[in-house]
Amino acid sequence: MKKLLVILTALVVVGSSVFALGGCGSDDKGSDATGTDGAGKVVIGSKSFTENEILADIYQFALEDKAGLEVERVQLASSAVNTALQNGEIDLYPEYTGTGLLDVLKTTAPSNDPQVVYDTVKDAYKTQFDIVWLDYAQANDGQGIAVTKEISDKYGITTISDLQKNAKDIRFVSQGEFIERSDGLPALVTVYGPFDFKKELVIENALKYETLLSGDGDAVVAYTTEGALTDPKFVLLEDDKLAWPPYNIAPVVRASVLESYPKIADVLNAVNAKIDTQTITQLNAKVDVDKQEPDKVAKEFYDSIKDSL
């Protein structure tokens, strides 16, 4: 009986030790997490639109390939992704300098110079949130207005100044909020003067280019890297008086994650150096126009640049 008690006691002690050791690992995501093979793990988020999904997928392929990290990809509502980053629910995601400036920091543009805007958001994010902006890409996905080539030729409209001068003949299409938002039409009015449009129409965003082509509208609110703008039927107007700040693409990363995995910065900075406005517009078109899957488009692009990283 004594021998049996000793054996049972030993088993209990060993079992307890194993259980205790098993509880030492962290269930937290990001810099405290490890993959099943012991490699680091990060969580990359994306906003719920084509371009951001493509960018996040490219970042995933690069970090898996060049940094040896395990990556979990999550998609969030555009309004929730920054909060998720601050709360540690995700570790990084693709952001835009103008969005960080206006929507997150709630401040005005100190300049329309991309470097000045970038430096402003970079310093403020590190101070307020302990979040790091990596290098920004030349790609600028900013606010814009597009018209059909027919309307452009008919009225000689190639700039927003031209649009303002011909507003009385233009049926303007938006999703409603552009008319009210401080960085929408009010920002244009401040710089260009009043826009007395012939008519203002409110429709769903997905229908805006169809509305132009059907002849039911003349000008629409656009983002400057939308895939539809690769179609020569449309003309993206030049913001000739620089009413809007730049919206350059850059990864934003929690500082604690960079401390754990510093190679993230080298890898993603090298990737971002390969992305200009024309490149990201063409990638968007493959998804939105050609109906390819975002992850497949991202993988094809990554494969085309990986040997040069």
C-alpha atoms as a PDB file:
ATOM      1  CA  MET A   1       0.000   0.000   0.000  1.00  0.00           C
ATOM      2  CA  LYS A   2       2.854   2.387   0.878  1.00  0.00           C
ATOM      3  CA  LYS A   3       4.493   1.749  -2.503  1.00  0.00           C
ATOM      4  CA  LEU A   4       1.158   2.342  -4.243  1.00  0.00           C
ATOM      5  CA  LEU A   5       0.675   5.644  -2.388  1.00  0.00           C
ATOM      6  CA  VAL A   6       4.160   6.784  -3.367  1.00  0.00           C
ATOM      7  CA  ILE A   7       3.511   6.009  -7.035  1.00  0.00           C
ATOM      8  CA  LEU A   8       0.127   7.756  -7.009  1.00  0.00           C
ATOM      9  CA  THR A   9       1.603  10.801  -5.263  1.00  0.00           C
ATOM     10  CA  ALA A  10       4.396  10.989  -7.816  1.00  0.00           C
ATOM     11  CA  LEU A  11       1.902  10.831 -10.669  1.00  0.00           C
ATOM     12  CA  VAL A  12      -0.156  13.645  -9.139  1.00  0.00           C
ATOM     13  CA  VAL A  13       2.952  15.814  -8.733  1.00  0.00           C
ATOM     14  CA  VAL A  14       4.120  15.191 -12.312  1.00  0.00           C
ATOM     15  CA  GLY A  15       0.630  15.815 -13.703  1.00  0.00           C
ATOM     16  CA  SER A  16       0.346  19.065 -11.759  1.00  0.00           C
ATOM     17  CA  SER A  17       3.744  20.210 -13.036  1.00  0.00           C
ATOM     18  CA  VAL A  18       2.802  19.477 -16.638  1.00  0.00           C
ATOM     19  CA  PHE A  19      -0.475  21.366 -16.224  1.00  0.00           C
ATOM     20  CA  ALA A  20       1.336  24.325 -14.694  1.00  0.00           C
ATOM     21  CA  LEU A  21       3.897  24.415 -17.484  1.00  0.00           C
ATOM     22  CA  GLY A  22       1.152  24.202 -20.084  1.00  0.00           C
ATOM     23  CA  GLY A  23      -0.509  27.287 -18.562  1.00  0.00           C
ATOM     24  CA  CYS A  24       2.598  29.436 -18.869  1.00  0.00           C
ATOM     25  CA  GLY A  25       2.033  30.320 -22.544  1.00  0.00           C
ATOM     26  CA  SER A  26       0.085  33.476 -23.409  1.00  0.00           C
ATOM     27  CA  ASP A  27      -3.196  33.351 -25.275  1.00  0.00           C
ATOM     28  CA  ASP A  28      -2.761  36.990 -26.298  1.00  0.00           C
ATOM     29  CA  LYS A  29      -2.398  37.739 -29.985  1.00  0.00           C
ATOM     30  CA  GLY A  30       0.481  39.639 -31.476  1.00  0.00           C
ATOM     31  CA  SER A  31       3.867  40.069 -29.832  1.00  0.00           C
ATOM     32  CA  ASP A  32       3.092  37.566 -27.032  1.00  0.00           C
ATOM     33  CA  ALA A  33       1.874  34.831 -29.355  1.00  0.00           C
ATOM     34  CA  THR A  34       3.811  32.057 -31.026  1.00  0.00           C
ATOM     35  CA  GLY A  35       2.908  29.802 -33.897  1.00  0.00           C
ATOM     36  CA  THR A  36       2.613  26.059 -33.623  1.00  0.00           C
ATOM     37  CA  ASP A  37       6.221  25.616 -34.758  1.00  0.00           C
ATOM     38  CA  GLY A  38       7.557  28.179 -32.283  1.00  0.00           C
ATOM     39  CA  ALA A  39       7.739  31.003 -34.837  1.00  0.00           C
ATOM     40  CA  GLY A  40       6.338  34.416 -34.031  1.00  0.00           C
ATOM     41  CA  LYS A  41       2.741  35.180 -34.860  1.00  0.00           C
ATOM     42  CA  VAL A  42       1.125  38.477 -35.825  1.00  0.00           C
ATOM     43  CA  VAL A  43      -2.429  39.465 -36.633  1.00  0.00           C
ATOM     44  CA  ILE A  44      -2.933  41.678 -39.681  1.00  0.00           C
ATOM     45  CA  GLY A  45      -6.210  43.536 -40.007  1.00  0.00           C
ATOM     46  CA  SER A  46      -7.790  45.208 -42.993  1.00  0.00           C
ATOM     47  CA  LYS A  47     -10.631  47.577 -43.681  1.00  0.00           C
ATOM     48  CA  SER A  48     -13.640  46.300 -45.577  1.00  0.00           C
ATOM     49  CA  PHE A  49     -12.820  47.496 -49.087  1.00  0.00           C
ATOM     50  CA  THR A  50     -10.859  46.040 -51.972  1.00  0.00           C
ATOM     51  CA  GLU A  51      -7.634  48.018 -51.800  1.00  0.00           C
ATOM     52  CA  ASN A  52      -7.100  47.561 -48.075  1.00  0.00           C
ATOM     53  CA  GLU A  53      -7.721  43.827 -48.370  1.00  0.00           C
ATOM     54  CA  ILE A  54      -5.162  43.534 -51.180  1.00  0.00           C
ATOM     55  CA  LEU A  55      -2.555  45.489 -49.223  1.00  0.00           C
ATOM     56  CA  ALA A  56      -3.068  43.446 -46.059  1.00  0.00           C
ATOM     57  CA  ASP A  57      -2.767  40.230 -48.072  1.00  0.00           C
ATOM     58  CA  ILE A  58       0.489  41.445 -49.643  1.00  0.00           C
ATOM     59  CA  TYR A  59       1.826  42.239 -46.173  1.00  0.00           C
ATOM     60  CA  GLN A  60       0.851  38.739 -45.045  1.00  0.00           C
ATOM     61  CA  PHE A  61       2.706  37.001 -47.882  1.00  0.00           C
ATOM     62  CA  ALA A  62       5.787  39.168 -47.310  1.00  0.00           C
ATOM     63  CA  LEU A  63       5.962  38.599 -43.549  1.00  0.00           C
ATOM     64  CA  GLU A  64       5.437  34.867 -43.907  1.00  0.00           C
ATOM     65  CA  ASP A  65       8.089  34.610 -46.617  1.00  0.00           C
ATOM     66  CA  LYS A  66      10.732  37.137 -45.566  1.00  0.00           C
ATOM     67  CA  ALA A  67      10.276  37.387 -41.789  1.00  0.00           C
ATOM     68  CA  GLY A  68       9.295  33.787 -41.066  1.00  0.00           C
ATOM     69  CA  LEU A  69       6.210  34.849 -39.125  1.00  0.00           C
ATOM     70  CA  GLU A  70       2.907  33.063 -38.822  1.00  0.00           C
ATOM     71  CA  VAL A  71       0.147  35.466 -39.841  1.00  0.00           C
ATOM     72  CA  GLU A  72      -3.532  35.565 -39.011  1.00  0.00           C
ATOM     73  CA  ARG A  73      -5.647  37.764 -41.276  1.00  0.00           C
ATOM     74  CA  VAL A  74      -8.840  39.442 -40.079  1.00  0.00           C
ATOM     75  CA  GLN A  75     -11.162  41.865 -41.838  1.00  0.00           C
ATOM     76  CA  LEU A  76     -12.934  44.559 -39.841  1.00  0.00           C
ATOM     77  CA  ALA A  77     -15.336  47.405 -40.449  1.00  0.00           C
ATOM     78  CA  SER A  78     -13.380  50.438 -41.592  1.00  0.00           C
ATOM     79  CA  SER A  79     -14.568  52.382 -38.554  1.00  0.00           C
ATOM     80  CA  ALA A  80     -13.359  49.682 -36.135  1.00  0.00           C
ATOM     81  CA  VAL A  81      -9.896  48.792 -37.356  1.00  0.00           C
ATOM     82  CA  ASN A  82      -7.967  51.600 -35.645  1.00  0.00           C
ATOM     83  CA  THR A  83      -9.653  50.862 -32.322  1.00  0.00           C
ATOM     84  CA  ALA A  84      -8.783  47.180 -32.736  1.00  0.00           C
ATOM     85  CA  LEU A  85      -5.143  48.139 -33.227  1.00  0.00           C
ATOM     86  CA  GLN A  86      -5.099  50.368 -30.159  1.00  0.00           C
ATOM     87  CA  ASN A  87      -6.742  47.630 -28.086  1.00  0.00           C
ATOM     88  CA  GLY A  88      -4.232  45.005 -29.185  1.00  0.00           C
ATOM     89  CA  GLU A  89      -6.792  42.894 -31.035  1.00  0.00           C
ATOM     90  CA  ILE A  90      -4.680  43.210 -34.181  1.00  0.00           C
ATOM     91  CA  ASP A  91      -1.000  44.030 -34.601  1.00  0.00           C
ATOM     92  CA  LEU A  92      -0.890  46.028 -37.827  1.00  0.00           C
ATOM     93  CA  TYR A  93      -2.936  47.123 -40.846  1.00  0.00           C
ATOM     94  CA  PRO A  94      -2.608  49.376 -43.937  1.00  0.00           C
ATOM     95  CA  GLU A  95      -3.614  52.974 -43.229  1.00  0.00           C
ATOM     96  CA  TYR A  96      -3.645  56.297 -45.093  1.00  0.00           C
ATOM     97  CA  THR A  97      -1.896  59.444 -43.922  1.00  0.00           C
ATOM     98  CA  GLY A  98      -4.891  61.686 -44.643  1.00  0.00           C
ATOM     99  CA  THR A  99      -7.215  59.332 -42.760  1.00  0.00           C
ATOM    100  CA  GLY A 100      -4.913  59.298 -39.765  1.00  0.00           C
ATOM    101  CA  LEU A 101      -4.726  63.070 -39.810  1.00  0.00           C
ATOM    102  CA  LEU A 102      -8.407  63.918 -40.282  1.00  0.00           C
ATOM    103  CA  ASP A 103     -10.386  60.936 -38.982  1.00  0.00           C
ATOM    104  CA  VAL A 104      -8.198  59.633 -36.131  1.00  0.00           C
ATOM    105  CA  LEU A 105      -6.294  62.664 -34.892  1.00  0.00           C
ATOM    106  CA  LYS A 106      -9.168  65.038 -35.763  1.00  0.00           C
ATOM    107  CA  THR A 107      -6.819  67.763 -36.892  1.00  0.00           C
ATOM    108  CA  THR A 108      -6.346  69.811 -40.045  1.00  0.00           C
ATOM    109  CA  ALA A 109      -3.617  69.382 -42.597  1.00  0.00           C
ATOM    110  CA  PRO A 110      -0.535  71.434 -41.676  1.00  0.00           C
ATOM    111  CA  SER A 111       0.494  71.232 -45.321  1.00  0.00           C
ATOM    112  CA  ASN A 112      -0.316  69.380 -48.519  1.00  0.00           C
ATOM    113  CA  ASP A 113       3.246  68.096 -48.642  1.00  0.00           C
ATOM    114  CA  PRO A 114       3.136  64.262 -48.263  1.00  0.00           C
ATOM    115  CA  GLN A 115       6.260  64.224 -46.063  1.00  0.00           C
ATOM    116  CA  VAL A 116       4.902  66.893 -43.702  1.00  0.00           C
ATOM    117  CA  VAL A 117       1.565  65.097 -43.315  1.00  0.00           C
ATOM    118  CA  TYR A 118       3.360  61.791 -42.755  1.00  0.00           C
ATOM    119  CA  ASP A 119       5.691  63.269 -40.129  1.00  0.00           C
ATOM    120  CA  THR A 120       2.717  64.817 -38.348  1.00  0.00           C
ATOM    121  CA  VAL A 121       0.744  61.581 -38.036  1.00  0.00           C
ATOM    122  CA  LYS A 122       3.842  59.520 -37.273  1.00  0.00           C
ATOM    123  CA  ASP A 123       4.836  61.704 -34.307  1.00  0.00           C
ATOM    124  CA  ALA A 124       1.277  61.983 -32.956  1.00  0.00           C
ATOM    125  CA  TYR A 125       0.515  58.238 -33.203  1.00  0.00           C
ATOM    126  CA  LYS A 126       3.713  57.315 -31.346  1.00  0.00           C
ATOM    127  CA  THR A 127       3.043  59.838 -28.597  1.00  0.00           C
ATOM    128  CA  GLN A 128      -0.684  59.208 -28.162  1.00  0.00           C
ATOM    129  CA  PHE A 129      -1.076  55.506 -28.988  1.00  0.00           C
ATOM    130  CA  ASP A 130       2.437  53.965 -28.986  1.00  0.00           C
ATOM    131  CA  ILE A 131       1.772  52.992 -32.608  1.00  0.00           C
ATOM    132  CA  VAL A 132       4.436  53.279 -35.316  1.00  0.00           C
ATOM    133  CA  TRP A 133       3.935  54.390 -38.909  1.00  0.00           C
ATOM    134  CA  LEU A 134       6.349  52.576 -41.208  1.00  0.00           C
ATOM    135  CA  ASP A 135       7.533  54.186 -44.464  1.00  0.00           C
ATOM    136  CA  TYR A 136       4.787  55.548 -46.678  1.00  0.00           C
ATOM    137  CA  ALA A 137       4.306  54.428 -50.276  1.00  0.00           C
ATOM    138  CA  GLN A 138       4.148  56.758 -53.241  1.00  0.00           C
ATOM    139  CA  ALA A 139       0.611  55.440 -53.803  1.00  0.00           C
ATOM    140  CA  ASN A 140      -1.915  58.118 -52.884  1.00  0.00           C
ATOM    141  CA  ASP A 141      -5.528  57.002 -52.483  1.00  0.00           C
ATOM    142  CA  GLY A 142      -7.139  60.346 -51.894  1.00  0.00           C
ATOM    143  CA  GLN A 143     -10.454  62.072 -52.376  1.00  0.00           C
ATOM    144  CA  GLY A 144     -11.383  62.880 -55.930  1.00  0.00           C
ATOM    145  CA  ILE A 145     -14.114  63.654 -58.422  1.00  0.00           C
ATOM    146  CA  ALA A 146     -14.581  61.878 -61.740  1.00  0.00           C
ATOM    147  CA  VAL A 147     -16.621  62.686 -64.844  1.00  0.00           C
ATOM    148  CA  THR A 148     -17.182  60.817 -68.084  1.00  0.00           C
ATOM    149  CA  LYS A 149     -14.859  61.510 -71.000  1.00  0.00           C
ATOM    150  CA  GLU A 150     -17.926  62.806 -72.832  1.00  0.00           C
ATOM    151  CA  ILE A 151     -18.660  65.425 -70.167  1.00  0.00           C
ATOM    152  CA  SER A 152     -14.972  66.321 -69.909  1.00  0.00           C
ATOM    153  CA  ASP A 153     -14.791  66.982 -73.643  1.00  0.00           C
ATOM    154  CA  LYS A 154     -18.153  68.755 -73.830  1.00  0.00           C
ATOM    155  CA  TYR A 155     -17.403  71.341 -71.113  1.00  0.00           C
ATOM    156  CA  GLY A 156     -13.597  71.297 -71.091  1.00  0.00           C
ATOM    157  CA  ILE A 157     -13.487  69.897 -67.563  1.00  0.00           C
ATOM    158  CA  THR A 158     -10.179  68.359 -66.485  1.00  0.00           C
ATOM    159  CA  THR A 159      -9.697  70.042 -63.101  1.00  0.00           C
ATOM    160  CA  ILE A 160     -11.878  70.784 -60.088  1.00  0.00           C
ATOM    161  CA  SER A 161     -11.564  74.483 -60.973  1.00  0.00           C
ATOM    162  CA  ASP A 162     -13.158  73.650 -64.339  1.00  0.00           C
ATOM    163  CA  LEU A 163     -15.912  71.726 -62.549  1.00  0.00           C
ATOM    164  CA  GLN A 164     -16.657  74.684 -60.281  1.00  0.00           C
ATOM    165  CA  LYS A 165     -16.942  77.030 -63.250  1.00  0.00           C
ATOM    166  CA  ASN A 166     -19.361  74.676 -65.048  1.00  0.00           C
ATOM    167  CA  ALA A 167     -21.300  73.478 -61.980  1.00  0.00           C
ATOM    168  CA  LYS A 168     -24.589  74.939 -63.243  1.00  0.00           C
ATOM    169  CA  ASP A 169     -24.581  72.344 -66.045  1.00  0.00           C
ATOM    170  CA  ILE A 170     -23.518  69.367 -63.902  1.00  0.00           C
ATOM    171  CA  ARG A 171     -25.628  66.758 -62.105  1.00  0.00           C
ATOM    172  CA  PHE A 172     -23.473  65.812 -59.126  1.00  0.00           C
ATOM    173  CA  VAL A 173     -23.665  62.268 -57.714  1.00  0.00           C
ATOM    174  CA  SER A 174     -22.577  61.328 -54.188  1.00  0.00           C
ATOM    175  CA  GLN A 175     -23.521  59.118 -51.268  1.00  0.00           C
ATOM    176  CA  GLY A 176     -24.898  62.055 -49.307  1.00  0.00           C
ATOM    177  CA  GLU A 177     -22.291  62.405 -46.590  1.00  0.00           C
ATOM    178  CA  PHE A 178     -19.847  64.049 -49.002  1.00  0.00           C
ATOM    179  CA  ILE A 179     -22.119  67.084 -49.154  1.00  0.00           C
ATOM    180  CA  GLU A 180     -21.913  67.546 -45.374  1.00  0.00           C
ATOM    181  CA  ARG A 181     -18.510  66.205 -44.295  1.00  0.00           C
ATOM    182  CA  SER A 182     -15.913  68.851 -43.522  1.00  0.00           C
ATOM    183  CA  ASP A 183     -13.389  67.089 -45.764  1.00  0.00           C
ATOM    184  CA  GLY A 184     -15.955  66.721 -48.570  1.00  0.00           C
ATOM    185  CA  LEU A 185     -17.743  69.437 -50.500  1.00  0.00           C
ATOM    186  CA  PRO A 186     -17.251  72.059 -47.742  1.00  0.00           C
ATOM    187  CA  ALA A 187     -13.471  71.639 -48.130  1.00  0.00           C
ATOM    188  CA  LEU A 188     -13.807  72.268 -51.859  1.00  0.00           C
ATOM    189  CA  VAL A 189     -16.026  75.315 -51.342  1.00  0.00           C
ATOM    190  CA  THR A 190     -13.459  76.829 -48.977  1.00  0.00           C
ATOM    191  CA  VAL A 191     -10.729  76.555 -51.603  1.00  0.00           C
ATOM    192  CA  TYR A 192     -12.550  76.801 -54.941  1.00  0.00           C
ATOM    193  CA  GLY A 193     -15.682  78.773 -54.119  1.00  0.00           C
ATOM    194  CA  PRO A 194     -19.348  77.682 -54.278  1.00  0.00           C
ATOM    195  CA  PHE A 195     -20.514  74.795 -56.464  1.00  0.00           C
ATOM    196  CA  ASP A 196     -24.017  75.581 -57.700  1.00  0.00           C
ATOM    197  CA  PHE A 197     -24.763  72.217 -59.287  1.00  0.00           C
ATOM    198  CA  LYS A 198     -27.678  71.787 -61.646  1.00  0.00           C
ATOM    199  CA  LYS A 199     -28.793  68.844 -59.520  1.00  0.00           C
ATOM    200  CA  GLU A 200     -27.447  66.786 -56.613  1.00  0.00           C
ATOM    201  CA  LEU A 201     -28.198  63.052 -56.568  1.00  0.00           C
ATOM    202  CA  VAL A 202     -27.657  60.607 -53.700  1.00  0.00           C
ATOM    203  CA  ILE A 203     -27.099  56.945 -54.626  1.00  0.00           C
ATOM    204  CA  GLU A 204     -25.313  53.830 -53.363  1.00  0.00           C
ATOM    205  CA  ASN A 205     -21.568  53.900 -53.883  1.00  0.00           C
ATOM    206  CA  ALA A 206     -21.605  50.680 -55.920  1.00  0.00           C
ATOM    207  CA  LEU A 207     -23.842  52.304 -58.530  1.00  0.00           C
ATOM    208  CA  LYS A 208     -21.960  55.531 -59.114  1.00  0.00           C
ATOM    209  CA  TYR A 209     -20.028  54.657 -62.270  1.00  0.00           C
ATOM    210  CA  GLU A 210     -23.040  52.891 -63.730  1.00  0.00           C
ATOM    211  CA  THR A 211     -24.984  56.104 -63.117  1.00  0.00           C
ATOM    212  CA  LEU A 212     -22.452  58.088 -65.126  1.00  0.00           C
ATOM    213  CA  LEU A 213     -22.419  55.627 -68.011  1.00  0.00           C
ATOM    214  CA  SER A 214     -26.208  55.499 -68.159  1.00  0.00           C
ATOM    215  CA  GLY A 215     -26.317  59.282 -68.516  1.00  0.00           C
ATOM    216  CA  ASP A 216     -28.210  59.817 -65.263  1.00  0.00           C
ATOM    217  CA  GLY A 217     -25.382  61.835 -63.694  1.00  0.00           C
ATOM    218  CA  ASP A 218     -22.353  63.829 -64.785  1.00  0.00           C
ATOM    219  CA  ALA A 219     -19.829  63.825 -61.918  1.00  0.00           C
ATOM    220  CA  VAL A 220     -19.229  61.463 -58.991  1.00  0.00           C
ATOM    221  CA  VAL A 221     -17.236  61.376 -55.814  1.00  0.00           C
ATOM    222  CA  ALA A 222     -14.275  59.048 -56.361  1.00  0.00           C
ATOM    223  CA  TYR A 223     -11.216  57.671 -54.660  1.00  0.00           C
ATOM    224  CA  THR A 224      -8.147  58.265 -56.757  1.00  0.00           C
ATOM    225  CA  THR A 225      -7.041  54.607 -57.001  1.00  0.00           C
ATOM    226  CA  GLU A 226     -10.401  52.989 -57.785  1.00  0.00           C
ATOM    227  CA  GLY A 227     -10.122  50.225 -60.348  1.00  0.00           C
ATOM    228  CA  ALA A 228     -12.968  51.640 -62.441  1.00  0.00           C
ATOM    229  CA  LEU A 229     -10.798  54.650 -63.240  1.00  0.00           C
ATOM    230  CA  THR A 230      -8.627  52.473 -65.491  1.00  0.00           C
ATOM    231  CA  ASP A 231     -11.534  52.648 -67.962  1.00  0.00           C
ATOM    232  CA  PRO A 232     -10.845  55.425 -70.517  1.00  0.00           C
ATOM    233  CA  LYS A 233     -14.547  56.331 -70.386  1.00  0.00           C
ATOM    234  CA  PHE A 234     -13.814  58.162 -67.108  1.00  0.00           C
ATOM    235  CA  VAL A 235     -11.674  61.195 -66.304  1.00  0.00           C
ATOM    236  CA  LEU A 236     -10.351  61.787 -62.793  1.00  0.00           C
ATOM    237  CA  LEU A 237     -10.250  65.531 -62.214  1.00  0.00           C
ATOM    238  CA  GLU A 238      -7.092  67.168 -60.970  1.00  0.00           C
ATOM    239  CA  ASP A 239      -7.310  68.808 -57.541  1.00  0.00           C
ATOM    240  CA  ASP A 240      -5.442  71.768 -58.990  1.00  0.00           C
ATOM    241  CA  LYS A 241      -5.692  73.933 -55.866  1.00  0.00           C
ATOM    242  CA  LEU A 242      -4.819  71.090 -53.479  1.00  0.00           C
ATOM    243  CA  ALA A 243      -7.947  71.242 -51.348  1.00  0.00           C
ATOM    244  CA  TRP A 244      -7.377  67.728 -50.011  1.00  0.00           C
ATOM    245  CA  PRO A 245      -4.388  66.399 -48.095  1.00  0.00           C
ATOM    246  CA  PRO A 246      -2.426  63.414 -49.405  1.00  0.00           C
ATOM    247  CA  TYR A 247      -3.579  59.917 -48.469  1.00  0.00           C
ATOM    248  CA  ASN A 248      -0.365  57.936 -48.826  1.00  0.00           C
ATOM    249  CA  ILE A 249      -0.447  54.259 -47.880  1.00  0.00           C
ATOM    250  CA  ALA A 250       1.626  52.992 -44.951  1.00  0.00           C
ATOM    251  CA  PRO A 251       1.504  50.087 -42.479  1.00  0.00           C
ATOM    252  CA  VAL A 252       0.745  51.091 -38.883  1.00  0.00           C
ATOM    253  CA  VAL A 253       2.126  48.715 -36.245  1.00  0.00           C
ATOM    254  CA  ARG A 254       1.939  48.474 -32.470  1.00  0.00           C
ATOM    255  CA  ALA A 255       5.335  49.482 -31.059  1.00  0.00           C
ATOM    256  CA  SER A 256       5.500  46.429 -28.792  1.00  0.00           C
ATOM    257  CA  VAL A 257       5.128  44.158 -31.822  1.00  0.00           C
ATOM    258  CA  LEU A 258       8.010  45.888 -33.604  1.00  0.00           C
ATOM    259  CA  GLU A 259      10.162  45.473 -30.529  1.00  0.00           C
ATOM    260  CA  SER A 260       9.514  41.726 -30.584  1.00  0.00           C
ATOM    261  CA  TYR A 261       9.795  41.348 -34.356  1.00  0.00           C
ATOM    262  CA  PRO A 262      11.941  44.210 -35.706  1.00  0.00           C
ATOM    263  CA  LYS A 263      12.268  42.551 -39.116  1.00  0.00           C
ATOM    264  CA  ILE A 264       8.660  43.578 -39.811  1.00  0.00           C
ATOM    265  CA  ALA A 265       9.839  47.121 -40.504  1.00  0.00           C
ATOM    266  CA  ASP A 266      12.509  46.104 -43.023  1.00  0.00           C
ATOM    267  CA  VAL A 267      10.179  43.752 -44.889  1.00  0.00           C
ATOM    268  CA  LEU A 268       7.149  46.040 -45.114  1.00  0.00           C
ATOM    269  CA  ASN A 269       9.209  49.130 -45.918  1.00  0.00           C
ATOM    270  CA  ALA A 270      10.703  47.229 -48.862  1.00  0.00           C
ATOM    271  CA  VAL A 271       7.215  46.167 -50.004  1.00  0.00           C
ATOM    272  CA  ASN A 272       5.776  49.666 -49.731  1.00  0.00           C
ATOM    273  CA  ALA A 273       8.590  51.029 -51.881  1.00  0.00           C
ATOM    274  CA  LYS A 274       7.153  48.943 -54.737  1.00  0.00           C
ATOM    275  CA  ILE A 275       3.634  50.400 -54.547  1.00  0.00           C
ATOM    276  CA  ASP A 276       2.779  53.566 -56.458  1.00  0.00           C
ATOM    277  CA  THR A 277      -0.594  54.972 -57.469  1.00  0.00           C
ATOM    278  CA  GLN A 278      -0.651  53.308 -60.880  1.00  0.00           C
ATOM    279  CA  THR A 279       0.279  49.925 -59.405  1.00  0.00           C
ATOM    280  CA  ILE A 280      -2.407  49.867 -56.716  1.00  0.00           C
ATOM    281  CA  THR A 281      -5.026  51.161 -59.167  1.00  0.00           C
ATOM    282  CA  GLN A 282      -4.272  48.280 -61.518  1.00  0.00           C
ATOM    283  CA  LEU A 283      -4.454  45.769 -58.649  1.00  0.00           C
ATOM    284  CA  ASN A 284      -7.828  47.199 -57.620  1.00  0.00           C
ATOM    285  CA  ALA A 285      -9.065  46.857 -61.205  1.00  0.00           C
ATOM    286  CA  LYS A 286      -8.192  43.150 -61.255  1.00  0.00           C
ATOM    287  CA  VAL A 287     -10.600  42.657 -58.351  1.00  0.00           C
ATOM    288  CA  ASP A 288     -13.339  45.205 -59.011  1.00  0.00           C
ATOM    289  CA  VAL A 289     -13.386  45.063 -62.813  1.00  0.00           C
ATOM    290  CA  ASP A 290     -11.980  41.627 -63.681  1.00  0.00           C
ATOM    291  CA  LYS A 291     -13.617  39.975 -60.637  1.00  0.00           C
ATOM    292  CA  GLN A 292     -10.511  38.186 -59.378  1.00  0.00           C
ATOM    293  CA  GLU A 293     -10.117  37.320 -55.678  1.00  0.00           C
ATOM    294  CA  PRO A 294      -8.104  39.855 -53.602  1.00  0.00           C
ATOM    295  CA  ASP A 295      -5.774  37.251 -52.103  1.00  0.00           C
ATOM    296  CA  LYS A 296      -4.935  35.823 -55.527  1.00  0.00           C
ATOM    297  CA  VAL A 297      -4.216  39.299 -56.906  1.00  0.00           C
ATOM    298  CA  ALA A 298      -2.041  40.021 -53.868  1.00  0.00           C
ATOM    299  CA  LYS A 299      -0.117  36.755 -54.236  1.00  0.00           C
ATOM    300  CA  GLU A 300       0.542  37.361 -57.926  1.00  0.00           C
ATOM    301  CA  PHE A 301       1.870  40.836 -57.166  1.00  0.00           C
ATOM    302  CA  TYR A 302       3.991  39.625 -54.259  1.00  0.00           C
ATOM    303  CA  ASP A 303       5.504  36.857 -56.369  1.00  0.00           C
ATOM    304  CA  SER A 304       6.453  39.486 -58.969  1.00  0.00           C
ATOM    305  CA  ILE A 305       8.444  41.578 -56.448  1.00  0.00           C
ATOM    306  CA  LYS A 306       9.707  39.121 -53.818  1.00  0.00           C
ATOM    307  CA  ASP A 307      13.081  38.439 -55.443  1.00  0.00           C
ATOM    308  CA  SER A 308      13.894  42.161 -55.338  1.00  0.00           C
ATOM    309  CA  LEU A 309      13.025  42.643 -51.648  1.00  0.00           C
END
